[in-house]
């Protein structure tokens, strides 16, 4: 639903929580970043619950991947 660079090497991606782990989705985001020139920059993708963030200001991590 949304994404933000928290730091120069951490990308937080907000999704709706359906109860599943989102590590696979985070890996997919790494692939998209590679295609757009981020290969080799060691970005850390964190997938967060967008509802928890907007309603409760909580950064609930649903999955993650370290892009190599």
N, C-alpha and C. Protein backbone atom coordinates (compact mmCIF):
# COMPACT_ATOMS: atom_id res chain seq x y z
N UNK A 1 0.80 -1.19 0.00
CA UNK A 1 0.00 0.00 0.00
C UNK A 1 0.85 1.27 0.00
N UNK A 2 1.99 1.19 0.69
CA UNK A 2 2.85 2.36 0.79
C UNK A 2 4.26 1.90 1.14
N UNK A 3 5.23 2.75 0.92
CA UNK A 3 6.62 2.43 1.26
C UNK A 3 7.34 3.71 1.63
N UNK A 4 8.34 3.57 2.50
CA UNK A 4 9.13 4.71 2.94
C UNK A 4 10.56 4.25 3.20
N UNK A 5 11.51 5.08 2.82
CA UNK A 5 12.90 4.84 3.16
C UNK A 5 13.09 5.35 4.58
N UNK A 6 13.28 4.45 5.55
CA UNK A 6 13.49 4.84 6.95
C UNK A 6 14.91 5.39 7.13
N UNK A 7 15.86 4.78 6.41
CA UNK A 7 17.24 5.25 6.35
C UNK A 7 17.68 5.02 4.91
N UNK A 8 18.94 5.31 4.63
CA UNK A 8 19.41 5.13 3.25
C UNK A 8 19.49 3.67 2.83
N UNK A 9 19.43 2.74 3.81
CA UNK A 9 19.50 1.32 3.46
C UNK A 9 18.36 0.48 4.05
N UNK A 10 17.33 1.11 4.60
CA UNK A 10 16.16 0.39 5.12
C UNK A 10 14.91 0.91 4.44
N UNK A 11 14.24 0.02 3.70
CA UNK A 11 12.97 0.35 3.05
C UNK A 11 11.86 -0.37 3.79
N UNK A 12 10.90 0.39 4.29
CA UNK A 12 9.73 -0.18 4.97
C UNK A 12 8.56 -0.15 4.00
N UNK A 13 7.94 -1.32 3.81
CA UNK A 13 6.83 -1.48 2.88
C UNK A 13 5.59 -1.86 3.67
N UNK A 14 4.55 -1.05 3.58
CA UNK A 14 3.31 -1.31 4.30
C UNK A 14 2.35 -2.15 3.49
N UNK A 15 1.79 -3.19 4.14
CA UNK A 15 0.80 -4.07 3.51
C UNK A 15 -0.32 -4.35 4.50
N UNK A 16 -1.42 -4.88 3.98
CA UNK A 16 -2.50 -5.34 4.85
C UNK A 16 -2.13 -6.70 5.41
N UNK A 17 -2.31 -6.88 6.71
CA UNK A 17 -1.95 -8.12 7.37
C UNK A 17 -3.04 -9.17 7.15
N UNK A 18 -2.68 -10.26 6.45
CA UNK A 18 -3.63 -11.36 6.25
C UNK A 18 -3.26 -12.56 7.13
N UNK A 19 -2.33 -12.35 8.07
CA UNK A 19 -1.93 -13.41 8.99
C UNK A 19 -0.75 -14.24 8.52
N UNK A 20 -0.27 -14.00 7.32
CA UNK A 20 0.85 -14.80 6.81
C UNK A 20 2.17 -14.05 6.98
N UNK A 21 3.27 -14.82 7.03
CA UNK A 21 4.60 -14.21 7.05
C UNK A 21 4.84 -13.56 5.70
N UNK A 22 5.54 -12.46 5.66
CA UNK A 22 5.78 -11.73 4.43
C UNK A 22 7.25 -11.68 4.03
N UNK A 23 8.04 -12.67 4.48
CA UNK A 23 9.45 -12.73 4.08
C UNK A 23 9.58 -12.91 2.56
N UNK A 24 8.71 -13.73 1.98
CA UNK A 24 8.73 -13.94 0.53
C UNK A 24 8.43 -12.65 -0.22
N UNK A 25 7.49 -11.88 0.28
CA UNK A 25 7.16 -10.61 -0.36
C UNK A 25 8.35 -9.64 -0.25
N UNK A 26 9.01 -9.66 0.90
CA UNK A 26 10.19 -8.80 1.08
C UNK A 26 11.28 -9.18 0.07
N UNK A 27 11.46 -10.48 -0.17
CA UNK A 27 12.43 -10.94 -1.17
C UNK A 27 12.04 -10.47 -2.57
N UNK A 28 10.74 -10.48 -2.85
CA UNK A 28 10.25 -9.98 -4.13
C UNK A 28 10.59 -8.49 -4.28
N UNK A 29 10.41 -7.72 -3.22
CA UNK A 29 10.75 -6.29 -3.26
C UNK A 29 12.24 -6.13 -3.55
N UNK A 30 13.07 -7.00 -3.00
CA UNK A 30 14.51 -6.97 -3.30
C UNK A 30 14.74 -7.14 -4.80
N UNK A 31 14.03 -8.08 -5.41
CA UNK A 31 14.17 -8.31 -6.85
C UNK A 31 13.79 -7.08 -7.64
N UNK A 32 12.72 -6.42 -7.24
CA UNK A 32 12.29 -5.20 -7.92
C UNK A 32 13.35 -4.11 -7.76
N UNK A 33 13.92 -4.00 -6.57
CA UNK A 33 14.98 -3.01 -6.35
C UNK A 33 16.19 -3.30 -7.23
N UNK A 34 16.55 -4.59 -7.35
CA UNK A 34 17.68 -4.97 -8.22
C UNK A 34 17.44 -4.48 -9.64
N UNK A 35 16.22 -4.70 -10.12
CA UNK A 35 15.87 -4.32 -11.50
C UNK A 35 15.95 -2.81 -11.69
N UNK A 36 15.86 -2.07 -10.61
CA UNK A 36 15.87 -0.61 -10.70
C UNK A 36 17.20 -0.01 -10.25
N UNK A 37 18.25 -0.84 -10.24
CA UNK A 37 19.59 -0.33 -10.00
C UNK A 37 20.13 -0.40 -8.59
N UNK A 38 19.46 -1.10 -7.69
CA UNK A 38 19.91 -1.17 -6.30
C UNK A 38 20.75 -2.41 -6.00
N UNK A 39 21.10 -3.19 -6.99
CA UNK A 39 21.86 -4.42 -6.77
C UNK A 39 23.21 -4.10 -6.13
N UNK A 40 23.55 -4.88 -5.10
CA UNK A 40 24.81 -4.71 -4.41
C UNK A 40 24.81 -3.65 -3.32
N UNK A 41 23.71 -2.98 -3.09
CA UNK A 41 23.66 -1.91 -2.09
C UNK A 41 23.24 -2.38 -0.71
N UNK A 42 22.94 -3.67 -0.56
CA UNK A 42 22.59 -4.28 0.72
C UNK A 42 21.46 -3.56 1.45
N UNK A 43 20.34 -3.44 0.77
CA UNK A 43 19.15 -2.82 1.35
C UNK A 43 18.45 -3.85 2.24
N UNK A 44 17.92 -3.39 3.34
CA UNK A 44 17.13 -4.22 4.24
C UNK A 44 15.67 -3.84 4.04
N UNK A 45 14.86 -4.78 3.54
CA UNK A 45 13.43 -4.54 3.32
C UNK A 45 12.66 -5.08 4.51
N UNK A 46 11.83 -4.24 5.10
CA UNK A 46 10.97 -4.65 6.20
C UNK A 46 9.52 -4.44 5.76
N UNK A 47 8.73 -5.49 5.84
CA UNK A 47 7.31 -5.41 5.50
C UNK A 47 6.55 -5.21 6.81
N UNK A 48 5.76 -4.15 6.86
CA UNK A 48 5.04 -3.80 8.08
C UNK A 48 3.52 -3.81 7.86
N UNK A 49 2.80 -3.90 8.96
CA UNK A 49 1.34 -3.88 8.96
C UNK A 49 0.88 -2.42 8.84
N UNK A 50 0.34 -2.06 7.69
CA UNK A 50 -0.06 -0.67 7.43
C UNK A 50 -1.22 -0.21 8.33
N UNK A 51 -2.11 -1.12 8.70
CA UNK A 51 -3.24 -0.77 9.57
C UNK A 51 -2.74 -0.44 10.98
N UNK A 52 -1.83 -1.27 11.51
CA UNK A 52 -1.28 -0.99 12.85
C UNK A 52 -0.54 0.35 12.87
N UNK A 53 0.13 0.65 11.78
CA UNK A 53 0.86 1.91 11.71
C UNK A 53 -0.10 3.10 11.70
N UNK A 54 -1.11 3.04 10.84
CA UNK A 54 -2.01 4.19 10.70
C UNK A 54 -2.95 4.36 11.89
N UNK A 55 -3.38 3.26 12.48
CA UNK A 55 -4.34 3.36 13.60
C UNK A 55 -3.67 3.54 14.96
N UNK A 56 -2.54 2.84 15.17
CA UNK A 56 -1.93 2.79 16.50
C UNK A 56 -0.51 3.31 16.55
N UNK A 57 0.01 3.79 15.41
CA UNK A 57 1.38 4.27 15.31
C UNK A 57 2.39 3.21 15.76
N UNK A 58 2.09 1.93 15.47
CA UNK A 58 2.99 0.82 15.80
C UNK A 58 3.58 0.25 14.52
N UNK A 59 4.89 0.02 14.53
CA UNK A 59 5.61 -0.54 13.39
C UNK A 59 5.71 -2.06 13.58
N UNK A 60 4.64 -2.78 13.25
CA UNK A 60 4.59 -4.23 13.42
C UNK A 60 5.16 -4.89 12.17
N UNK A 61 6.31 -5.58 12.34
CA UNK A 61 6.99 -6.22 11.21
C UNK A 61 6.36 -7.57 10.90
N UNK A 62 5.99 -7.76 9.63
CA UNK A 62 5.37 -9.01 9.18
C UNK A 62 6.37 -9.89 8.43
N UNK A 63 7.45 -9.30 7.96
CA UNK A 63 8.46 -10.03 7.23
C UNK A 63 9.63 -9.13 6.92
N UNK A 64 10.72 -9.75 6.46
CA UNK A 64 11.91 -8.97 6.14
C UNK A 64 12.84 -9.76 5.23
N UNK A 65 13.71 -9.04 4.56
CA UNK A 65 14.74 -9.65 3.73
C UNK A 65 15.90 -8.68 3.60
N UNK A 66 17.09 -9.22 3.60
CA UNK A 66 18.28 -8.42 3.35
C UNK A 66 18.68 -8.65 1.90
N UNK A 67 18.58 -7.61 1.11
CA UNK A 67 18.94 -7.69 -0.29
C UNK A 67 20.46 -7.70 -0.40
N UNK A 68 20.99 -8.64 -1.13
CA UNK A 68 22.45 -8.76 -1.24
C UNK A 68 22.94 -8.12 -2.51
